[in-house]
Amino acid sequence: MQKLIILRGNSGSGKTTVARMLQGKFGPNTMLISSDTVRMEMLHVWGAQGIEKSQPLMIELLKYGKQHSEITKDCINAMGRRGDADGEKSAY
């Protein structure tokens, strides 16, 4: 079964870079859904309004992914260690 990988982070934290690297590693059958793409290119909304209006579609996309993918829960901080932001081990 496919894996669903969700990246979350602040603006400029490298989410897109990591997503593109993962897409390169896993090959052409990898789908990258950017919240920016959903908001600006699919729904044509920007700013805070875009976030609110994109939530229902993002939820549906995540539900689809959950139904068709293996879910692996993990947290890896920016330094590449598993754990929370302080490097402490988290229970997932």
N, C-alpha and C. Protein backbone atom coordinates (compact mmCIF):
# COMPACT_ATOMS: atom_id res chain seq x y z
N MET A 1 0.84 -1.18 0.00
CA MET A 1 0.00 0.00 0.00
C MET A 1 0.89 1.25 0.00
N GLN A 2 0.40 2.32 -0.59
CA GLN A 2 1.14 3.57 -0.66
C GLN A 2 1.25 4.22 0.71
N LYS A 3 2.24 5.10 0.85
CA LYS A 3 2.41 5.85 2.09
C LYS A 3 1.92 7.27 1.88
N LEU A 4 1.28 7.81 2.90
CA LEU A 4 0.85 9.20 2.90
C LEU A 4 1.80 9.97 3.80
N ILE A 5 2.45 10.97 3.24
CA ILE A 5 3.39 11.79 4.00
C ILE A 5 2.85 13.21 4.02
N ILE A 6 2.63 13.74 5.21
CA ILE A 6 2.14 15.10 5.36
C ILE A 6 3.25 15.93 5.98
N LEU A 7 3.61 17.00 5.31
CA LEU A 7 4.64 17.90 5.82
C LEU A 7 3.96 19.16 6.32
N ARG A 8 4.36 19.62 7.48
CA ARG A 8 3.82 20.83 8.06
C ARG A 8 4.97 21.64 8.62
N GLY A 9 4.90 22.93 8.45
CA GLY A 9 5.94 23.78 9.00
C GLY A 9 5.68 25.23 8.68
N ASN A 10 6.43 26.09 9.29
CA ASN A 10 6.29 27.52 9.05
C ASN A 10 6.74 27.88 7.65
N SER A 11 6.34 29.05 7.21
CA SER A 11 6.74 29.56 5.91
C SER A 11 8.26 29.62 5.83
N GLY A 12 8.81 29.11 4.73
CA GLY A 12 10.25 29.15 4.53
C GLY A 12 11.03 28.09 5.28
N SER A 13 10.34 27.10 5.86
CA SER A 13 11.04 26.08 6.65
C SER A 13 11.58 24.92 5.81
N GLY A 14 11.27 24.91 4.51
CA GLY A 14 11.82 23.87 3.64
C GLY A 14 10.86 22.76 3.27
N LYS A 15 9.57 22.94 3.52
CA LYS A 15 8.58 21.90 3.21
C LYS A 15 8.59 21.53 1.73
N THR A 16 8.58 22.53 0.87
CA THR A 16 8.55 22.27 -0.57
C THR A 16 9.82 21.57 -1.01
N THR A 17 10.95 21.98 -0.49
CA THR A 17 12.23 21.34 -0.83
C THR A 17 12.21 19.87 -0.43
N VAL A 18 11.77 19.58 0.79
CA VAL A 18 11.70 18.20 1.26
C VAL A 18 10.70 17.41 0.42
N ALA A 19 9.55 18.01 0.13
CA ALA A 19 8.53 17.32 -0.67
C ALA A 19 9.06 16.95 -2.05
N ARG A 20 9.77 17.87 -2.67
CA ARG A 20 10.33 17.58 -4.00
C ARG A 20 11.41 16.51 -3.93
N MET A 21 12.19 16.51 -2.86
CA MET A 21 13.21 15.46 -2.69
C MET A 21 12.53 14.10 -2.52
N LEU A 22 11.46 14.05 -1.72
CA LEU A 22 10.73 12.80 -1.53
C LEU A 22 10.10 12.34 -2.84
N GLN A 23 9.57 13.29 -3.59
CA GLN A 23 8.98 12.96 -4.89
C GLN A 23 10.04 12.38 -5.82
N GLY A 24 11.23 12.95 -5.81
CA GLY A 24 12.33 12.42 -6.62
C GLY A 24 12.74 11.03 -6.18
N LYS A 25 12.76 10.80 -4.87
CA LYS A 25 13.17 9.50 -4.33
C LYS A 25 12.14 8.41 -4.65
N PHE A 26 10.86 8.73 -4.52
CA PHE A 26 9.83 7.72 -4.69
C PHE A 26 9.32 7.58 -6.11
N GLY A 27 9.70 8.49 -7.01
CA GLY A 27 9.41 8.32 -8.42
C GLY A 27 8.14 8.97 -8.92
N PRO A 28 7.82 8.67 -10.19
CA PRO A 28 6.74 9.36 -10.88
C PRO A 28 5.34 9.05 -10.35
N ASN A 29 5.17 8.00 -9.58
CA ASN A 29 3.85 7.69 -9.03
C ASN A 29 3.58 8.44 -7.73
N THR A 30 4.42 9.40 -7.42
CA THR A 30 4.27 10.20 -6.20
C THR A 30 3.47 11.45 -6.52
N MET A 31 2.49 11.75 -5.68
CA MET A 31 1.67 12.93 -5.88
C MET A 31 2.01 13.96 -4.80
N LEU A 32 2.25 15.17 -5.22
CA LEU A 32 2.54 16.28 -4.31
C LEU A 32 1.37 17.24 -4.36
N ILE A 33 0.71 17.44 -3.23
CA ILE A 33 -0.40 18.39 -3.15
C ILE A 33 0.02 19.51 -2.22
N SER A 34 0.25 20.66 -2.77
CA SER A 34 0.66 21.82 -2.00
C SER A 34 -0.58 22.61 -1.59
N SER A 35 -0.63 23.04 -0.34
CA SER A 35 -1.77 23.87 0.09
C SER A 35 -1.80 25.17 -0.69
N ASP A 36 -0.64 25.69 -1.09
CA ASP A 36 -0.60 26.90 -1.92
C ASP A 36 -1.26 26.64 -3.27
N THR A 37 -1.01 25.47 -3.85
CA THR A 37 -1.62 25.12 -5.13
C THR A 37 -3.13 25.01 -4.99
N VAL A 38 -3.57 24.35 -3.92
CA VAL A 38 -5.02 24.21 -3.69
C VAL A 38 -5.65 25.59 -3.56
N ARG A 39 -5.06 26.45 -2.74
CA ARG A 39 -5.65 27.77 -2.49
C ARG A 39 -5.62 28.66 -3.72
N MET A 40 -4.44 28.83 -4.29
CA MET A 40 -4.27 29.85 -5.33
C MET A 40 -4.62 29.38 -6.73
N GLU A 41 -4.28 28.14 -7.08
CA GLU A 41 -4.48 27.69 -8.45
C GLU A 41 -5.81 26.96 -8.66
N MET A 42 -6.28 26.26 -7.62
CA MET A 42 -7.54 25.53 -7.77
C MET A 42 -8.74 26.37 -7.33
N LEU A 43 -8.60 27.05 -6.18
CA LEU A 43 -9.73 27.81 -5.64
C LEU A 43 -9.64 29.31 -5.93
N HIS A 44 -8.48 29.76 -6.38
CA HIS A 44 -8.26 31.18 -6.71
C HIS A 44 -8.57 32.11 -5.53
N VAL A 45 -8.07 31.76 -4.36
CA VAL A 45 -8.22 32.60 -3.16
C VAL A 45 -6.86 32.78 -2.50
N TRP A 46 -6.68 33.90 -1.84
CA TRP A 46 -5.39 34.24 -1.23
C TRP A 46 -5.59 34.67 0.21
N GLY A 47 -4.50 34.70 0.96
CA GLY A 47 -4.49 35.19 2.33
C GLY A 47 -5.32 34.34 3.27
N ALA A 48 -5.78 34.97 4.36
CA ALA A 48 -6.55 34.26 5.39
C ALA A 48 -7.83 33.67 4.80
N GLN A 49 -8.45 34.38 3.88
CA GLN A 49 -9.65 33.89 3.23
C GLN A 49 -9.36 32.58 2.50
N GLY A 50 -8.20 32.50 1.88
CA GLY A 50 -7.81 31.29 1.16
C GLY A 50 -7.65 30.10 2.07
N ILE A 51 -7.10 30.34 3.26
CA ILE A 51 -6.91 29.25 4.22
C ILE A 51 -8.27 28.69 4.63
N GLU A 52 -9.21 29.56 4.96
CA GLU A 52 -10.55 29.11 5.37
C GLU A 52 -11.26 28.37 4.24
N LYS A 53 -11.20 28.92 3.04
CA LYS A 53 -11.91 28.31 1.92
C LYS A 53 -11.26 27.01 1.44
N SER A 54 -9.97 26.85 1.68
CA SER A 54 -9.29 25.64 1.20
C SER A 54 -9.43 24.46 2.17
N GLN A 55 -9.80 24.72 3.41
CA GLN A 55 -9.85 23.65 4.41
C GLN A 55 -10.76 22.49 4.01
N PRO A 56 -12.00 22.72 3.54
CA PRO A 56 -12.83 21.56 3.18
C PRO A 56 -12.20 20.68 2.09
N LEU A 57 -11.61 21.30 1.08
CA LEU A 57 -10.98 20.51 0.01
C LEU A 57 -9.75 19.78 0.54
N MET A 58 -8.94 20.43 1.36
CA MET A 58 -7.76 19.76 1.93
C MET A 58 -8.19 18.57 2.78
N ILE A 59 -9.27 18.73 3.54
CA ILE A 59 -9.78 17.63 4.37
C ILE A 59 -10.20 16.46 3.48
N GLU A 60 -10.88 16.74 2.38
CA GLU A 60 -11.28 15.67 1.45
C GLU A 60 -10.07 14.98 0.83
N LEU A 61 -9.06 15.76 0.46
CA LEU A 61 -7.84 15.17 -0.10
C LEU A 61 -7.14 14.28 0.93
N LEU A 62 -7.11 14.73 2.19
CA LEU A 62 -6.49 13.92 3.24
C LEU A 62 -7.29 12.65 3.51
N LYS A 63 -8.62 12.75 3.48
CA LYS A 63 -9.46 11.55 3.66
C LYS A 63 -9.17 10.53 2.55
N TYR A 64 -9.07 11.03 1.32
CA TYR A 64 -8.75 10.15 0.19
C TYR A 64 -7.40 9.48 0.41
N GLY A 65 -6.42 10.27 0.80
CA GLY A 65 -5.09 9.72 1.06
C GLY A 65 -5.12 8.69 2.17
N LYS A 66 -5.88 8.98 3.22
CA LYS A 66 -5.97 8.05 4.35
C LYS A 66 -6.59 6.72 3.93
N GLN A 67 -7.59 6.78 3.06
CA GLN A 67 -8.26 5.56 2.61
C GLN A 67 -7.39 4.71 1.70
N HIS A 68 -6.46 5.34 1.00
CA HIS A 68 -5.68 4.64 -0.02
C HIS A 68 -4.19 4.56 0.30
N SER A 69 -3.82 4.87 1.54
CA SER A 69 -2.40 4.89 1.90
C SER A 69 -2.17 4.28 3.27
N GLU A 70 -0.96 3.83 3.47
CA GLU A 70 -0.52 3.37 4.78
C GLU A 70 -0.14 4.62 5.57
N ILE A 71 -0.64 4.72 6.79
CA ILE A 71 -0.35 5.90 7.62
C ILE A 71 0.78 5.56 8.58
N THR A 72 1.83 6.33 8.53
CA THR A 72 2.96 6.19 9.45
C THR A 72 3.08 7.48 10.22
N LYS A 73 2.98 7.41 11.54
CA LYS A 73 3.08 8.63 12.35
C LYS A 73 4.50 8.75 12.89
N ASP A 74 5.08 9.89 12.66
CA ASP A 74 6.43 10.15 13.14
C ASP A 74 6.64 11.65 13.11
N CYS A 75 7.59 12.08 13.85
CA CYS A 75 7.93 13.50 13.87
C CYS A 75 9.44 13.60 13.74
N ILE A 76 9.89 14.33 12.75
CA ILE A 76 11.32 14.55 12.57
C ILE A 76 11.54 16.04 12.55
N ASN A 77 12.36 16.54 13.47
CA ASN A 77 12.57 17.99 13.53
C ASN A 77 13.56 18.42 12.45
N ALA A 78 13.80 19.72 12.39
CA ALA A 78 14.63 20.28 11.32
C ALA A 78 16.05 19.73 11.33
N MET A 79 16.51 19.22 12.46
CA MET A 79 17.86 18.66 12.54
C MET A 79 17.89 17.20 12.10
N GLY A 80 16.74 16.64 11.76
CA GLY A 80 16.69 15.27 11.27
C GLY A 80 16.62 14.22 12.35
N ARG A 81 16.43 14.66 13.60
CA ARG A 81 16.28 13.70 14.69
C ARG A 81 14.80 13.50 14.97
N ARG A 82 14.43 12.30 15.34
CA ARG A 82 13.04 12.07 15.70
C ARG A 82 12.81 12.67 17.08
N GLY A 83 11.67 13.33 17.22
CA GLY A 83 11.32 13.92 18.50
C GLY A 83 10.61 15.24 18.30
N ASP A 84 10.40 15.95 19.39
CA ASP A 84 9.75 17.24 19.27
C ASP A 84 10.77 18.32 18.93
N ALA A 85 10.34 19.57 18.93
CA ALA A 85 11.21 20.66 18.50
C ALA A 85 12.44 20.81 19.38
N ASP A 86 12.38 20.32 20.61
CA ASP A 86 13.53 20.41 21.51
C ASP A 86 14.41 19.17 21.44
N GLY A 87 14.08 18.25 20.54
CA GLY A 87 14.87 17.04 20.40
C GLY A 87 14.48 15.93 21.37
N GLU A 88 13.42 16.19 22.16
CA GLU A 88 12.95 15.18 23.10
C GLU A 88 12.14 14.13 22.35
N LYS A 89 12.22 12.90 22.80
CA LYS A 89 11.45 11.83 22.18
C LYS A 89 9.96 12.08 22.43
N SER A 90 9.17 11.89 21.40
CA SER A 90 7.73 12.06 21.51
C SER A 90 7.06 10.71 21.39
N ALA A 91 5.95 10.55 22.08
CA ALA A 91 5.18 9.31 21.99
C ALA A 91 4.15 9.46 20.89
N TYR A 92 4.29 8.66 19.83
CA TYR A 92 3.34 8.70 18.72
C TYR A 92 2.76 7.33 18.54
